Amino acid sequence: MSVGVKTIIYPVKDLALSKHLFAELLGVEPETDQPYYVGFRVADLDIGLDPNGHRQGLTGPVLYWAVGDIRAKLERLIAAGAECLQDVRDVGWGRLTASVRDPASNVIGLLQNSTAGQTP
């Protein structure tokens, strides 16, 4: 079961400029500020800036849908016709992500928080 979009990741080319722009847009300072990722939290939504996103083939923002069992959801999406772009990987603190491309070339992100098998 998906419980909604919980994270949006934007690929950026100039992390410092993008960090300033998003701080102005969102009205908050980043919670995470690293050379490889800047993350903001607004209500229940995580908004991330990824300076490596373009090198990984991202052409725009990716919305990450929170799921209870990321491996099972990934398998079902592939069986339904999606192409796996990124297999399940731990991005820190036990948080798992994966992504697929649908038949129209849209990227769909999946996210499972560290409590394995439970809906976030």
Protein backbone atom coordinates (compact mmCIF):
# COMPACT_ATOMS: atom_id res chain seq x y z
CA MET A 1 0.00 0.00 0.00
CA SER A 2 1.21 3.50 -0.83
CA VAL A 3 0.43 6.24 1.66
CA GLY A 4 1.28 9.24 -0.47
CA VAL A 5 4.21 11.29 -1.60
CA LYS A 6 6.63 11.87 1.27
CA THR A 7 9.76 13.09 -0.50
CA ILE A 8 10.59 15.16 -3.58
CA ILE A 9 14.18 15.19 -4.83
CA TYR A 10 15.33 17.89 -7.25
CA PRO A 11 18.51 17.37 -9.28
CA VAL A 12 20.49 20.62 -9.11
CA LYS A 13 23.60 21.93 -10.79
CA ASP A 14 24.53 24.69 -8.33
CA LEU A 15 23.88 23.41 -4.81
CA ALA A 16 24.63 26.69 -3.01
CA LEU A 17 22.37 28.74 -5.28
CA SER A 18 19.60 26.13 -5.15
CA LYS A 19 19.85 25.91 -1.35
CA HIS A 20 19.36 29.68 -1.09
CA LEU A 21 16.47 29.65 -3.57
CA PHE A 22 14.64 26.79 -1.81
CA ALA A 23 15.18 28.36 1.63
CA GLU A 24 13.46 31.47 0.28
CA LEU A 25 10.70 29.46 -1.37
CA LEU A 26 9.97 27.27 1.65
CA GLY A 27 10.66 29.82 4.38
CA VAL A 28 12.86 27.41 6.36
CA GLU A 29 16.55 26.58 6.59
CA PRO A 30 17.72 23.08 5.58
CA GLU A 31 17.70 20.30 8.17
CA THR A 32 20.46 18.47 6.29
CA ASP A 33 23.25 20.44 4.67
CA GLN A 34 25.96 18.26 3.13
CA PRO A 35 27.98 18.57 -0.09
CA TYR A 36 26.10 15.54 -1.49
CA TYR A 37 22.55 16.46 -0.35
CA VAL A 38 20.59 19.36 1.11
CA GLY A 39 17.28 18.49 2.72
CA PHE A 40 14.37 20.62 3.90
CA ARG A 41 11.33 19.55 5.92
CA VAL A 42 7.99 21.28 5.44
CA ALA A 43 5.01 19.76 7.28
CA ASP A 44 5.18 16.03 6.43
CA LEU A 45 7.16 16.52 3.23
CA ASP A 46 10.91 16.13 2.73
CA ILE A 47 12.35 18.22 -0.10
CA GLY A 48 15.86 17.32 -1.19
CA LEU A 49 18.44 18.87 -3.50
CA ASP A 50 20.78 16.37 -5.17
CA PRO A 51 23.86 17.80 -6.92
CA ASN A 52 24.53 14.35 -8.45
CA GLY A 53 21.03 13.85 -9.82
CA HIS A 54 21.77 15.00 -13.36
CA ARG A 55 24.77 12.65 -13.59
CA GLN A 56 22.41 9.83 -12.53
CA GLY A 57 20.10 10.65 -15.44
CA LEU A 58 17.47 12.72 -13.64
CA THR A 59 16.01 15.47 -15.79
CA GLY A 60 13.59 16.87 -13.22
CA PRO A 61 12.14 16.34 -9.76
CA VAL A 62 11.32 12.82 -8.61
CA LEU A 63 8.42 12.22 -6.25
CA TYR A 64 9.00 9.37 -3.80
CA TRP A 65 5.91 7.42 -2.76
CA ALA A 66 6.04 5.99 0.75
CA VAL A 67 5.39 2.24 0.77
CA GLY A 68 5.36 -0.43 3.43
CA ASP A 69 7.34 -3.09 1.53
CA ILE A 70 9.60 -1.51 -1.09
CA ARG A 71 10.90 -4.77 -2.57
CA ALA A 72 7.40 -6.17 -3.12
CA LYS A 73 6.15 -2.87 -4.58
CA LEU A 74 9.17 -2.67 -6.93
CA GLU A 75 8.52 -6.22 -8.17
CA ARG A 76 4.83 -5.45 -8.77
CA LEU A 77 5.64 -2.28 -10.71
CA ILE A 78 8.16 -4.11 -12.92
CA ALA A 79 5.60 -6.87 -13.52
CA ALA A 80 3.11 -4.15 -14.50
CA GLY A 81 5.45 -2.80 -17.19
CA ALA A 82 7.83 -0.39 -15.42
CA GLU A 83 11.58 -0.41 -16.06
CA CYS A 84 13.83 -0.53 -12.99
CA LEU A 85 16.12 2.51 -12.88
CA GLN A 86 17.52 2.10 -9.38
CA ASP A 87 17.21 -1.09 -7.39
CA VAL A 88 16.52 -0.89 -3.65
CA ARG A 89 19.34 0.84 -1.77
CA ASP A 90 19.86 2.18 1.73
CA VAL A 91 20.38 5.94 1.59
CA GLY A 92 21.11 6.29 5.31
CA TRP A 93 19.50 5.57 8.65
CA GLY A 94 17.83 2.47 7.21
CA ARG A 95 15.79 4.50 4.73
CA LEU A 96 15.39 2.56 1.48
CA THR A 97 14.76 4.02 -1.97
CA ALA A 98 14.23 2.65 -5.47
CA SER A 99 12.96 4.08 -8.74
CA VAL A 100 11.33 2.95 -11.95
CA ARG A 101 10.40 4.49 -15.28
CA ASP A 102 6.84 4.03 -16.49
CA PRO A 103 6.00 3.37 -20.18
CA ALA A 104 5.65 7.15 -20.75
CA SER A 105 9.22 7.73 -19.40
CA ASN A 106 8.06 9.25 -16.10
CA VAL A 107 10.26 8.45 -13.11
CA ILE A 108 8.49 7.06 -10.05
CA GLY A 109 10.38 6.94 -6.77
CA LEU A 110 9.68 4.52 -3.92
CA LEU A 111 10.60 5.11 -0.29
CA GLN A 112 10.48 2.87 2.76
CA ASN A 113 11.43 4.26 6.14
CA SER A 114 13.65 2.29 8.50
CA THR A 115 10.82 0.35 10.12
CA ALA A 116 10.94 -2.55 7.65
CA GLY A 117 7.63 -3.83 6.40
CA GLN A 118 5.56 -1.14 8.10
CA THR A 119 3.76 1.68 6.41
CA PRO A 120 5.57 5.00 7.09
